[in-house]
Protein backbone atom coordinates (compact mmCIF):
# COMPACT_ATOMS: atom_id res chain seq x y z
CA GLN A 1 28.94 7.86 0.09
CA LYS A 2 28.87 11.59 -0.61
CA ILE A 3 32.46 11.90 0.63
CA ALA A 4 33.41 9.16 -1.82
CA GLY A 5 31.73 11.13 -4.59
CA ARG A 6 28.63 8.95 -4.88
CA GLU A 7 25.11 10.27 -4.36
CA PRO A 8 23.19 7.76 -2.18
CA ILE A 9 20.20 5.95 -3.68
CA PHE A 10 17.32 5.40 -1.27
CA LEU A 11 15.30 2.20 -1.63
CA ARG A 12 12.58 -0.03 -0.17
CA ARG A 13 10.36 1.71 2.42
CA THR A 14 12.51 4.86 2.45
CA ALA A 15 12.03 5.17 -1.30
CA ALA A 16 8.29 4.57 -0.87
CA VAL A 17 8.11 7.60 1.46
CA LEU A 18 10.02 9.75 -1.04
CA HIS A 19 7.63 8.61 -3.79
CA GLY A 20 4.84 10.07 -1.62
CA LEU A 21 3.28 6.76 -0.58
CA GLN A 22 1.71 6.13 2.81
CA LEU A 23 3.18 3.59 5.20
CA GLY A 24 1.49 1.89 8.11
CA ARG A 25 4.37 2.89 10.40
CA VAL A 26 7.54 4.93 10.21
CA PRO A 27 10.50 2.63 9.39
CA ASP A 28 13.13 2.24 12.07
CA ASP A 29 15.98 2.78 9.62
CA VAL A 30 16.76 4.72 6.46
CA GLU A 31 17.60 2.24 3.70
CA ILE A 32 20.15 3.08 1.02
CA ALA A 33 21.78 1.16 -1.80
CA ALA A 34 25.01 -0.49 -0.71
CA ALA A 35 28.21 1.03 -2.05
CA GLY A 36 30.21 -1.93 -0.78
CA ARG A 37 29.37 -4.60 1.75
CA CYS A 38 25.63 -4.71 2.37
CA GLY A 39 23.88 -4.91 5.69
CA SER A 40 26.09 -2.38 7.53
CA GLU A 41 24.40 0.03 9.89
CA ALA A 42 25.37 3.41 11.27
CA ALA A 43 23.14 5.91 13.07
CA GLY A 44 19.91 4.36 11.80
CA VAL A 45 21.09 3.89 8.22
CA ARG A 46 21.13 0.42 6.66
CA SER A 47 22.77 -0.40 3.34
CA ARG A 48 21.03 -2.94 1.11
CA GLU A 49 21.90 -4.79 -2.04
CA ILE A 50 20.67 -3.28 -5.29
CA SER A 51 20.77 -4.77 -8.76
CA PRO A 52 22.66 -2.94 -11.51
CA ALA A 53 19.36 -2.56 -13.42
CA SER A 54 17.62 -0.94 -10.44
CA ARG A 55 20.58 1.37 -9.93
CA GLN A 56 20.38 2.36 -13.60
CA ARG A 57 16.64 3.09 -13.33
CA ALA A 58 16.99 5.34 -10.26
CA VAL A 59 15.05 8.61 -10.38
CA VAL A 60 15.05 11.84 -8.40
CA ARG A 61 12.18 12.45 -5.98
CA SER A 62 12.04 15.20 -3.35
CA GLY A 63 15.61 16.12 -4.26
CA ALA A 64 17.00 12.64 -3.58
CA GLN A 65 17.92 9.67 -5.74
CA VAL A 66 15.51 6.77 -5.22
CA THR A 67 14.74 3.52 -6.94
CA GLY A 68 12.00 3.79 -9.60
CA LEU A 69 8.43 3.31 -8.49
CA VAL A 70 8.03 -0.26 -9.77
CA ASP A 71 11.45 -1.27 -8.39
CA THR A 72 10.52 0.28 -5.04
CA LEU A 73 7.24 -1.65 -4.84
CA VAL A 74 8.86 -4.93 -5.90
CA ASP A 75 11.58 -4.47 -3.26
CA CYS A 76 8.93 -3.83 -0.60
CA ALA A 77 7.06 -6.97 -1.69
CA ARG A 78 10.21 -9.10 -1.54
CA PHE A 79 11.93 -7.78 1.57
CA THR A 80 9.19 -6.36 3.82
CA VAL A 81 6.63 -8.40 5.74
CA PRO A 82 3.32 -8.63 3.79
CA GLU A 83 1.28 -6.74 6.38
CA GLU A 84 3.53 -3.73 5.74
CA ALA A 85 4.28 -4.26 2.04
CA LEU A 86 0.74 -4.81 0.79
CA PRO A 87 -0.69 -1.50 2.08
CA ILE A 88 2.21 0.38 0.44
CA ILE A 89 1.54 -1.35 -2.88
CA GLU A 90 -2.23 -0.91 -2.64
CA ASN A 91 -1.80 2.78 -1.81
CA ALA A 92 0.19 3.19 -5.03
CA LEU A 93 -2.42 1.28 -7.06
CA HIS A 94 -5.30 3.24 -5.53
CA ARG A 95 -3.59 6.55 -6.27
CA GLU A 96 -2.94 5.49 -9.86
CA ARG A 97 -6.58 4.39 -10.28
CA THR A 98 -7.89 7.70 -8.96
CA GLY A 99 -5.33 9.92 -10.73
CA GLN A 100 -3.77 11.11 -7.47
CA ILE A 101 -0.23 9.97 -8.08
CA ASP A 102 2.13 12.61 -9.42
CA ASP A 103 4.87 10.39 -10.74
CA ASP A 104 5.96 10.08 -14.35
CA ASP A 105 6.93 6.48 -13.56
CA ALA A 106 3.30 5.58 -12.67
CA GLU A 107 1.82 5.19 -16.17
CA GLY A 108 0.49 1.66 -16.65
CA LEU A 109 1.60 0.88 -13.11
CA ARG A 110 -0.60 -2.12 -12.34
CA PRO A 111 0.27 -4.34 -15.35
CA ARG A 112 3.95 -3.39 -15.12
CA LEU A 113 4.04 -4.16 -11.42
CA ASP A 114 2.17 -7.43 -11.91
CA ARG A 115 4.70 -8.58 -14.51
CA ALA A 116 7.65 -7.54 -12.35
CA LEU A 117 6.34 -9.32 -9.26
CA ARG A 118 5.65 -12.55 -11.13
CA ALA A 119 9.08 -12.44 -12.78
CA CYS A 120 10.94 -12.29 -9.46
CA THR A 121 13.49 -14.98 -8.71
CA GLY A 122 15.62 -15.68 -5.67
CA ARG A 123 15.07 -14.34 -2.18
CA GLY A 124 11.55 -13.05 -1.55
CA SER A 125 10.22 -14.19 -4.94
CA ARG A 126 7.47 -16.40 -3.47
CA ARG A 127 6.30 -13.52 -1.30
CA ALA A 128 6.27 -11.22 -4.35
CA LYS A 129 4.24 -13.70 -6.42
CA ASN A 130 1.74 -14.11 -3.59
CA ILE A 131 1.27 -10.34 -3.42
CA ALA A 132 0.71 -10.24 -7.21
CA GLU A 133 -2.20 -12.65 -6.71
CA VAL A 134 -4.01 -10.59 -4.09
CA MET A 135 -3.10 -6.88 -4.52
CA SER A 136 -6.11 -4.64 -5.01
CA PRO A 137 -6.38 -1.10 -6.41
CA PHE A 138 -9.63 -0.51 -4.49
CA CYS A 139 -8.32 -0.15 -0.91
CA GLU A 140 -8.70 3.49 0.06
CA SER A 141 -6.77 3.36 3.33
CA ILE A 142 -4.13 1.30 5.08
CA GLY A 143 -6.87 -0.06 7.34
CA GLU A 144 -8.84 -1.37 4.36
CA SER A 145 -5.74 -3.17 3.12
CA ARG A 146 -5.36 -4.78 6.54
CA CYS A 147 -9.05 -5.78 6.55
CA LEU A 148 -8.72 -7.46 3.18
CA MET A 149 -5.72 -9.42 4.43
CA LEU A 150 -7.77 -10.51 7.45
CA PHE A 151 -10.64 -11.77 5.27
CA ARG A 152 -8.21 -13.85 3.20
CA LEU A 153 -6.50 -15.19 6.31
CA HIS A 154 -9.81 -16.51 7.61
CA GLY A 155 -10.90 -17.99 4.28
CA LEU A 156 -13.80 -15.62 3.59
CA PRO A 157 -15.04 -15.23 0.00
CA THR A 158 -13.49 -12.26 -1.78
CA PRO A 159 -15.74 -9.22 -1.18
CA THR A 160 -16.78 -6.62 -3.72
CA GLN A 161 -14.91 -3.41 -2.91
CA GLN A 162 -16.25 0.12 -3.20
CA LEU A 163 -19.70 -1.15 -4.22
CA ALA A 164 -22.24 1.59 -4.98
CA ILE A 165 -25.48 1.04 -3.04
CA GLY A 166 -27.97 3.83 -3.61
CA PRO A 167 -26.23 7.12 -2.86
CA TYR A 168 -23.39 5.44 -0.97
CA ARG A 169 -20.23 3.49 -1.64
CA VAL A 170 -19.20 0.79 0.85
CA ASP A 171 -15.76 -0.58 1.66
CA PHE A 172 -16.55 -4.29 1.41
CA ALA A 173 -19.77 -6.06 0.47
CA TRP A 174 -21.00 -9.62 0.06
CA PRO A 175 -24.18 -8.93 -1.95
CA GLN A 176 -25.53 -12.49 -1.82
CA GLN A 177 -25.44 -12.45 1.99
CA ARG A 178 -26.43 -8.74 2.17
CA VAL A 179 -23.47 -8.08 4.46
CA ILE A 180 -21.32 -4.95 4.50
CA VAL A 181 -18.06 -4.48 6.38
CA GLU A 182 -16.76 -0.96 6.88
CA PHE A 183 -13.36 -0.06 8.26
CA ASP A 184 -13.98 2.57 10.91
CA GLY A 185 -10.66 4.38 10.67
CA MET A 186 -12.41 7.77 10.41
CA VAL A 187 -10.14 9.16 7.69
CA LYS A 188 -9.50 7.84 4.17
CA TYR A 189 -6.76 9.05 1.86
CA GLY A 190 -7.43 12.68 1.07
CA ASP A 191 -10.52 13.09 3.34
CA THR A 192 -10.48 16.65 4.74
CA ARG A 193 -13.72 16.58 6.78
CA THR A 194 -13.67 17.01 10.57
CA SER A 195 -14.04 13.91 12.75
CA GLY A 196 -17.43 15.13 14.01
CA GLY A 197 -18.73 15.59 10.48
CA ILE A 198 -17.49 12.16 9.47
CA PHE A 199 -19.20 10.55 12.50
CA LEU A 200 -22.59 12.10 11.78
CA ALA A 201 -22.42 11.26 8.07
CA GLU A 202 -21.48 7.65 8.85
CA LYS A 203 -24.43 7.24 11.25
CA ARG A 204 -26.88 8.50 8.62
CA ARG A 205 -25.43 6.26 5.95
CA GLU A 206 -25.46 3.18 8.20
CA ALA A 207 -29.10 3.76 9.09
CA TRP A 208 -30.05 4.04 5.41
CA LEU A 209 -28.16 0.87 4.45
CA GLN A 210 -29.85 -1.06 7.26
CA SER A 211 -33.23 0.19 6.06
CA GLN A 212 -32.43 -1.43 2.69
CA GLY A 213 -31.91 -4.85 4.30
CA TRP A 214 -28.13 -4.82 4.70
CA THR A 215 -26.26 -5.93 7.82
CA VAL A 216 -23.50 -3.41 8.49
CA LEU A 217 -20.46 -4.47 10.52
CA ARG A 218 -17.57 -2.22 11.48
CA LEU A 219 -13.92 -3.04 12.08
CA THR A 220 -11.63 -0.70 14.01
CA TRP A 221 -7.86 -0.47 14.45
CA ASP A 222 -8.22 -2.09 17.90
CA MET A 223 -9.99 -5.07 16.33
CA LEU A 224 -7.32 -5.44 13.66
CA SER A 225 -4.53 -5.42 16.22
């Protein structure tokens, strides 16, 4: 594309990385907007269809042209499996909620994204609408996003997220049943403590919550897989 005088536009999961979002795994391929026939592949690069409107709204991030933030998240919702797409979207929503996202395209992200997902038509539109129904801005790690998907899959009532109980905040709580579920992934977004310090703090907090009559259950990556 550069030889032909066109700067490539990165999209989908590649664009999500360039927007600074966290992914559950590194994508196998770099995805760029198709200059001609879509779906071609060379040396780990895949070309994808892009709408004229998305091409027009492209922005520069990390020195590269990428689809805008909302377009990137909608594309992930439509064309990536939900267990990968939802954590990307929830990472963006969490970062917007906590003021951690440094992106001039992020203002009013949640309502804009909700409208865009529900307005989707064609391929992947049902998947996008389903994600609009369940996406949460309160997941603080990829593991928490996966936990929330697991609860829905098994028909559990929707938990309260990030509930303050005394001096602590818990990942998921069902107050009526006095049950707490914590994702034991050790590190949340932006946590800079050592693993030993995190372990000791978590043991103290669990003991205190149990003393207040709560049942505390923990899920790990091995359990989720």
